[in-house]
Protein backbone atom coordinates (compact mmCIF):
# COMPACT_ATOMS: atom_id res chain seq x y z
CA MET A 1 -13.85 -77.69 -14.41
CA ARG A 2 -15.54 -75.91 -17.27
CA ILE A 3 -19.24 -75.29 -16.82
CA HIS A 4 -21.71 -74.29 -19.55
CA LEU A 5 -24.46 -71.90 -18.51
CA HIS A 6 -27.46 -71.38 -20.75
CA HIS A 7 -29.87 -68.57 -19.60
CA VAL A 8 -32.98 -67.73 -21.42
CA THR A 9 -35.20 -64.62 -20.64
CA HIS A 10 -38.47 -64.51 -22.48
CA TYR A 11 -41.15 -61.77 -22.79
CA GLN A 12 -44.44 -62.72 -24.57
CA TYR A 13 -46.95 -59.83 -25.27
CA ASP A 14 -50.64 -60.17 -25.91
CA ARG A 15 -50.22 -58.18 -29.08
CA GLU A 16 -47.49 -56.73 -31.28
CA VAL A 17 -45.71 -53.92 -29.42
CA THR A 18 -43.01 -51.37 -30.33
CA LEU A 19 -39.94 -51.86 -28.13
CA GLY A 20 -37.88 -48.95 -27.23
CA PRO A 21 -34.08 -49.29 -26.94
CA GLN A 22 -33.34 -52.09 -24.58
CA LEU A 23 -30.21 -52.16 -22.26
CA VAL A 24 -29.06 -55.68 -21.48
CA ARG A 25 -26.58 -56.31 -18.65
CA LEU A 26 -26.03 -59.99 -19.03
CA HIS A 27 -22.22 -60.01 -19.85
CA PRO A 28 -19.64 -60.78 -17.15
CA ALA A 29 -18.20 -57.62 -15.73
CA PRO A 30 -14.52 -56.75 -16.44
CA HIS A 31 -13.61 -57.48 -12.79
CA CYS A 32 -14.99 -61.08 -12.93
CA ARG A 33 -12.51 -63.28 -11.30
CA ALA A 34 -13.63 -66.56 -13.07
CA ARG A 35 -12.31 -67.04 -16.59
CA ILE A 36 -15.01 -66.81 -19.26
CA ALA A 37 -13.86 -69.21 -21.94
CA CYS A 38 -16.57 -68.15 -24.48
CA TYR A 39 -19.69 -66.05 -24.51
CA ALA A 40 -22.68 -65.56 -26.83
CA LEU A 41 -25.82 -63.43 -26.56
CA THR A 42 -28.65 -64.40 -28.99
CA VAL A 43 -31.56 -61.96 -29.47
CA GLU A 44 -34.98 -62.53 -30.98
CA PRO A 45 -36.67 -61.12 -33.00
CA PRO A 46 -33.92 -60.89 -35.64
CA TRP A 47 -34.96 -57.37 -36.78
CA HIS A 48 -32.63 -55.45 -34.45
CA PHE A 49 -29.31 -53.66 -34.14
CA ILE A 50 -26.96 -54.47 -31.35
CA ASN A 51 -24.28 -52.15 -30.08
CA TRP A 52 -21.86 -53.22 -27.36
CA GLN A 53 -20.60 -50.47 -25.04
CA GLN A 54 -19.45 -49.77 -21.45
CA ASP A 55 -21.18 -47.51 -19.04
CA PRO A 56 -19.42 -45.07 -16.69
CA LEU A 57 -18.59 -47.99 -14.16
CA ALA A 58 -17.19 -50.12 -17.00
CA ASN A 59 -20.05 -52.60 -17.16
CA HIS A 60 -20.62 -54.32 -20.51
CA LEU A 61 -23.95 -53.24 -22.00
CA ALA A 62 -25.65 -54.55 -25.11
CA ARG A 63 -27.88 -51.76 -26.55
CA LEU A 64 -30.71 -53.22 -28.72
CA VAL A 65 -32.67 -51.16 -31.18
CA PHE A 66 -35.65 -52.91 -32.90
CA THR A 67 -36.87 -51.89 -36.32
CA GLN A 68 -40.28 -53.59 -36.43
CA PRO A 69 -43.09 -54.32 -33.85
CA THR A 70 -42.94 -57.75 -32.23
CA ALA A 71 -45.03 -59.99 -30.04
CA GLU A 72 -42.08 -61.45 -28.08
CA PHE A 73 -38.64 -60.58 -26.98
CA ARG A 74 -36.22 -63.27 -26.16
CA LEU A 75 -32.61 -63.19 -24.88
CA SER A 76 -30.43 -66.32 -24.66
CA VAL A 77 -26.95 -66.23 -22.99
CA ASP A 78 -24.53 -69.07 -23.43
CA MET A 79 -21.18 -69.08 -21.90
CA ASP A 80 -18.45 -71.41 -20.56
CA VAL A 81 -17.03 -70.63 -17.21
CA GLU A 82 -13.84 -72.14 -15.94
CA MET A 83 -14.31 -72.86 -12.22
CA VAL A 84 -11.08 -72.77 -10.18
CA ALA A 85 -11.20 -73.08 -6.40
CA SER A 86 -9.62 -70.12 -4.66
CA ASN A 87 -9.32 -68.74 -1.14
CA PRO A 88 -11.53 -65.73 -0.78
CA PHE A 89 -9.22 -64.30 1.86
CA ASP A 90 -6.19 -64.53 -0.48
CA PHE A 91 -5.44 -60.70 -0.61
CA PHE A 92 -3.25 -58.15 1.21
CA LEU A 93 -4.47 -55.05 3.00
CA ASP A 94 -2.55 -51.81 3.10
CA PRO A 95 -1.10 -51.47 6.57
CA LEU A 96 -3.14 -48.28 7.11
CA ALA A 97 -6.38 -50.24 6.48
CA GLY A 98 -5.60 -53.25 8.67
CA THR A 99 -7.57 -51.91 11.57
CA TYR A 100 -11.06 -50.53 11.42
CA PRO A 101 -11.94 -47.59 11.47
CA PHE A 102 -9.48 -46.12 9.01
CA ASP A 103 -9.46 -43.27 6.46
CA TYR A 104 -9.04 -43.55 2.77
CA SER A 105 -6.09 -41.66 1.15
CA ALA A 106 -7.05 -38.21 -0.39
CA ARG A 107 -6.70 -39.79 -3.88
CA ASP A 108 -8.97 -42.82 -3.06
CA ALA A 109 -11.43 -40.59 -1.19
CA ARG A 110 -11.95 -38.43 -4.26
CA ALA A 111 -12.36 -41.48 -6.58
CA LEU A 112 -14.67 -43.40 -4.05
CA ALA A 113 -16.93 -40.43 -3.01
CA PRO A 114 -20.01 -41.71 -5.01
CA TYR A 115 -19.66 -45.07 -3.17
CA LEU A 116 -19.69 -43.43 0.23
CA HIS A 117 -22.92 -41.48 -0.36
CA CYS A 118 -25.89 -42.75 1.66
CA HIS A 119 -29.04 -42.57 -0.43
CA SER A 120 -31.52 -42.45 2.45
CA ALA A 121 -30.76 -39.72 4.93
CA THR A 122 -34.20 -40.24 6.58
CA GLU A 123 -33.10 -43.75 7.68
CA THR A 124 -29.67 -42.91 8.83
CA ASN A 125 -30.56 -42.88 12.54
CA SER A 126 -32.16 -46.27 12.42
CA LEU A 127 -29.22 -47.79 10.46
CA ARG A 128 -26.63 -46.20 12.83
CA ALA A 129 -28.52 -47.68 15.81
CA TYR A 130 -28.26 -51.11 14.16
CA LEU A 131 -24.50 -50.60 13.60
CA GLN A 132 -23.90 -49.56 17.30
CA LYS A 133 -25.40 -52.93 18.33
CA SER A 134 -22.60 -54.57 16.42
CA GLY A 135 -20.12 -53.13 18.87
CA GLY A 136 -17.70 -50.25 18.48
CA GLY A 137 -14.01 -49.64 19.09
CA SER A 138 -10.97 -50.49 17.16
CA ARG A 139 -10.57 -54.06 15.67
CA PRO A 140 -9.10 -55.74 12.66
CA THR A 141 -10.89 -54.68 9.46
CA LEU A 142 -11.61 -58.18 8.34
CA ASP A 143 -13.18 -59.02 11.60
CA PHE A 144 -15.45 -56.09 11.34
CA LEU A 145 -16.53 -56.94 7.85
CA VAL A 146 -17.12 -60.64 8.53
CA ALA A 147 -19.08 -59.88 11.65
CA LEU A 148 -21.29 -57.39 9.94
CA ASN A 149 -21.87 -59.56 6.96
CA GLN A 150 -22.76 -62.50 9.17
CA ARG A 151 -25.11 -60.40 11.39
CA VAL A 152 -27.13 -59.23 8.40
CA GLN A 153 -27.34 -62.92 7.20
CA HIS A 154 -28.47 -63.89 10.66
CA ASP A 155 -30.96 -61.10 11.12
CA ILE A 156 -32.63 -60.96 7.69
CA ARG A 157 -34.55 -64.19 6.83
CA TYR A 158 -34.16 -64.88 3.11
CA GLN A 159 -37.28 -65.06 0.99
CA VAL A 160 -37.97 -65.13 -2.69
CA ARG A 161 -39.60 -61.90 -3.75
CA LEU A 162 -41.19 -61.77 -7.24
CA GLU A 163 -42.22 -58.03 -6.81
CA PRO A 164 -40.11 -55.62 -8.86
CA GLY A 165 -37.66 -53.30 -7.18
CA VAL A 166 -35.76 -53.31 -3.94
CA GLN A 167 -36.91 -52.71 -0.36
CA SER A 168 -35.50 -49.75 1.45
CA PRO A 169 -32.86 -50.73 4.07
CA LEU A 170 -35.26 -49.65 6.88
CA GLU A 171 -38.02 -51.73 5.47
CA THR A 172 -35.65 -54.80 5.27
CA LEU A 173 -34.75 -54.36 8.91
CA GLN A 174 -38.36 -53.79 10.05
CA ASN A 175 -39.50 -56.94 8.08
CA ALA A 176 -36.45 -58.91 9.19
CA SER A 177 -36.80 -60.59 5.83
CA GLY A 178 -35.95 -59.85 2.20
CA SER A 179 -34.56 -61.25 -1.11
CA CYS A 180 -30.90 -61.34 -2.01
CA ARG A 181 -31.06 -57.85 -3.46
CA ASP A 182 -32.66 -56.44 -0.36
CA SER A 183 -30.01 -57.89 1.93
CA ALA A 184 -27.32 -56.71 -0.36
CA TRP A 185 -28.68 -53.15 -0.57
CA LEU A 186 -28.95 -53.10 3.25
CA LEU A 187 -25.36 -54.12 3.57
CA VAL A 188 -24.19 -51.48 1.09
CA GLN A 189 -25.88 -48.74 3.17
CA LEU A 190 -24.44 -50.09 6.48
CA LEU A 191 -20.96 -50.07 5.02
CA ARG A 192 -21.26 -46.56 3.69
CA LEU A 193 -22.48 -45.37 7.00
CA SER A 194 -19.41 -47.00 8.53
CA GLY A 195 -17.16 -44.88 6.23
CA LEU A 196 -16.39 -47.79 3.75
CA ALA A 197 -17.04 -47.39 0.01
CA ALA A 198 -19.45 -50.01 -1.15
CA ARG A 199 -21.41 -50.93 -4.39
CA PHE A 200 -24.24 -53.18 -5.45
CA ILE A 201 -23.55 -56.20 -7.62
CA SER A 202 -25.87 -58.32 -9.67
CA GLY A 203 -24.74 -61.56 -11.25
CA TYR A 204 -24.97 -65.22 -11.51
CA LEU A 205 -24.46 -67.62 -8.61
CA ILE A 206 -23.31 -71.08 -9.67
CA ASP A 207 -23.73 -73.57 -6.91
CA LEU A 208 -21.60 -76.77 -7.17
CA ASP A 209 -22.49 -80.02 -5.35
CA PRO A 210 -19.44 -80.62 -3.08
CA ASN A 211 -20.49 -84.25 -2.46
CA ALA A 212 -20.46 -85.40 -6.04
CA ASP A 213 -17.73 -87.58 -7.32
CA THR A 214 -15.80 -86.90 -10.46
CA SER A 215 -17.67 -89.41 -12.51
CA HIS A 216 -20.91 -87.36 -12.33
CA PRO A 217 -21.56 -83.76 -13.18
CA PRO A 218 -20.96 -81.94 -9.75
CA LEU A 219 -23.78 -79.43 -10.61
CA ASP A 220 -26.42 -78.14 -8.28
CA THR A 221 -28.15 -74.92 -9.41
CA SER A 222 -27.62 -71.49 -10.89
CA GLN A 223 -29.64 -68.36 -10.27
CA LEU A 224 -29.51 -64.63 -10.72
CA HIS A 225 -28.16 -63.20 -7.49
CA ALA A 226 -27.11 -59.94 -5.82
CA TRP A 227 -24.34 -59.19 -3.36
CA CYS A 228 -22.25 -56.44 -2.19
CA GLU A 229 -18.52 -55.27 -2.81
CA VAL A 230 -16.49 -53.17 -0.43
CA TYR A 231 -13.32 -51.26 -1.35
CA LEU A 232 -10.26 -52.10 0.81
CA PRO A 233 -6.93 -50.31 0.22
CA GLY A 234 -4.40 -52.85 -0.95
CA ALA A 235 -6.94 -55.55 -1.80
CA GLY A 236 -9.45 -53.60 -4.15
CA TRP A 237 -13.08 -54.60 -4.31
CA ILE A 238 -14.01 -57.54 -2.08
CA GLY A 239 -17.29 -59.34 -2.31
CA LEU A 240 -19.63 -59.92 0.55
CA ASP A 241 -22.65 -62.17 0.18
CA ALA A 242 -25.24 -61.08 2.83
CA THR A 243 -27.45 -63.97 1.86
CA SER A 244 -24.88 -66.65 2.90
CA GLY A 245 -22.87 -64.51 5.35
CA LEU A 246 -19.68 -65.49 3.36
CA LEU A 247 -17.21 -63.70 1.19
CA THR A 248 -17.87 -64.30 -2.55
CA GLY A 249 -16.25 -67.25 -4.07
CA MET A 250 -15.62 -68.94 -7.43
CA GLY A 251 -19.36 -69.29 -8.24
CA HIS A 252 -20.06 -65.60 -8.07
CA ILE A 253 -20.14 -64.22 -11.59
CA PRO A 254 -20.69 -60.44 -11.45
CA LEU A 255 -22.65 -58.94 -14.42
CA ALA A 256 -23.01 -55.33 -13.33
CA CYS A 257 -21.76 -53.18 -10.47
CA ALA A 258 -23.85 -49.97 -9.54
CA LEU A 259 -24.21 -47.23 -7.16
CA GLN A 260 -27.78 -48.30 -6.53
CA PRO A 261 -29.82 -51.46 -7.44
CA ALA A 262 -31.82 -49.88 -10.30
CA ASP A 263 -28.66 -49.40 -12.32
CA ALA A 264 -27.85 -53.04 -12.31
CA ALA A 265 -31.05 -54.43 -13.77
CA PRO A 266 -30.39 -57.31 -16.14
CA VAL A 267 -32.82 -55.76 -18.74
CA GLU A 268 -33.99 -52.19 -18.93
CA GLY A 269 -36.12 -50.47 -21.46
CA ALA A 270 -39.56 -49.27 -22.44
CA THR A 271 -42.38 -50.85 -24.53
CA ASP A 272 -45.89 -50.14 -25.47
CA LEU A 273 -48.58 -50.84 -22.87
CA ALA A 274 -49.51 -54.51 -23.08
CA HIS A 275 -50.09 -57.67 -21.05
CA VAL A 276 -46.91 -59.65 -20.78
CA GLN A 277 -45.96 -63.08 -19.72
CA PHE A 278 -42.36 -63.21 -18.33
CA SER A 279 -40.27 -66.31 -17.85
CA HIS A 280 -36.60 -67.14 -17.51
CA ARG A 281 -34.58 -70.24 -16.74
CA ILE A 282 -30.95 -71.13 -16.17
CA GLU A 283 -29.45 -74.39 -17.00
CA LEU A 284 -25.93 -75.78 -16.06
CA THR A 285 -24.10 -78.61 -17.90
CA LEU A 286 -20.44 -79.66 -18.05
CA ALA A 287 -18.80 -78.08 -20.97
CA PRO A 288 -16.49 -80.19 -23.07
């Protein structure tokens, strides 16, 4: 099945403003498992330069430089995604990683060091107490990961938060609620405290209607989403969606991976001080 995704992000200012360089992270990441049949990014106003590059984590970035002031800034993403059903557990673990806890090899530990760093030392005790309630002792690694992911999904009530930024893990635990990005960041920190390398992921989530027959477009919704990936020797980076409590599947389209959420923002850049009206929409159709 080939799905066409159309995503428009629109900023309208109350006057003409000068835009600084804008970094756009709306291109599927290199490790995206779904096949992207075609992709296009359209930028308005037309008086701009665009330079595609990769950041240190290999994310695709579009760097935009505008040559004149503008009263609006509009980004349109169009891409065709080939949706192929797959088993999220279809991977092998290195025998040394089959049972949790385990140690990374010296080579992996050097490469994964940034993904093992906990960003909030002041919250460590509270997060460790939360982990201890999940039980200790040796057990199959996948059992540990599935149980932790499902526990976060159970304990953190999902809510739509329009405020910018991400809650701290402790704030998410105390509120017992948060957006997808809040739950994902909490899970990242819990995994790192558990000695497992983890990173924050932003991307698209394409929901398909499993009850639709083949004569109708089996489409439900699509949205910008956030989840977590953990590194397992032998398997590589494996996605965990703390909002659903499941492993990531064919509908998860990663756009950016990051050590912390701020580095995965879809659009980043400065502008003159002004009142702005922001809107965005995502539409799905069946591609020919």
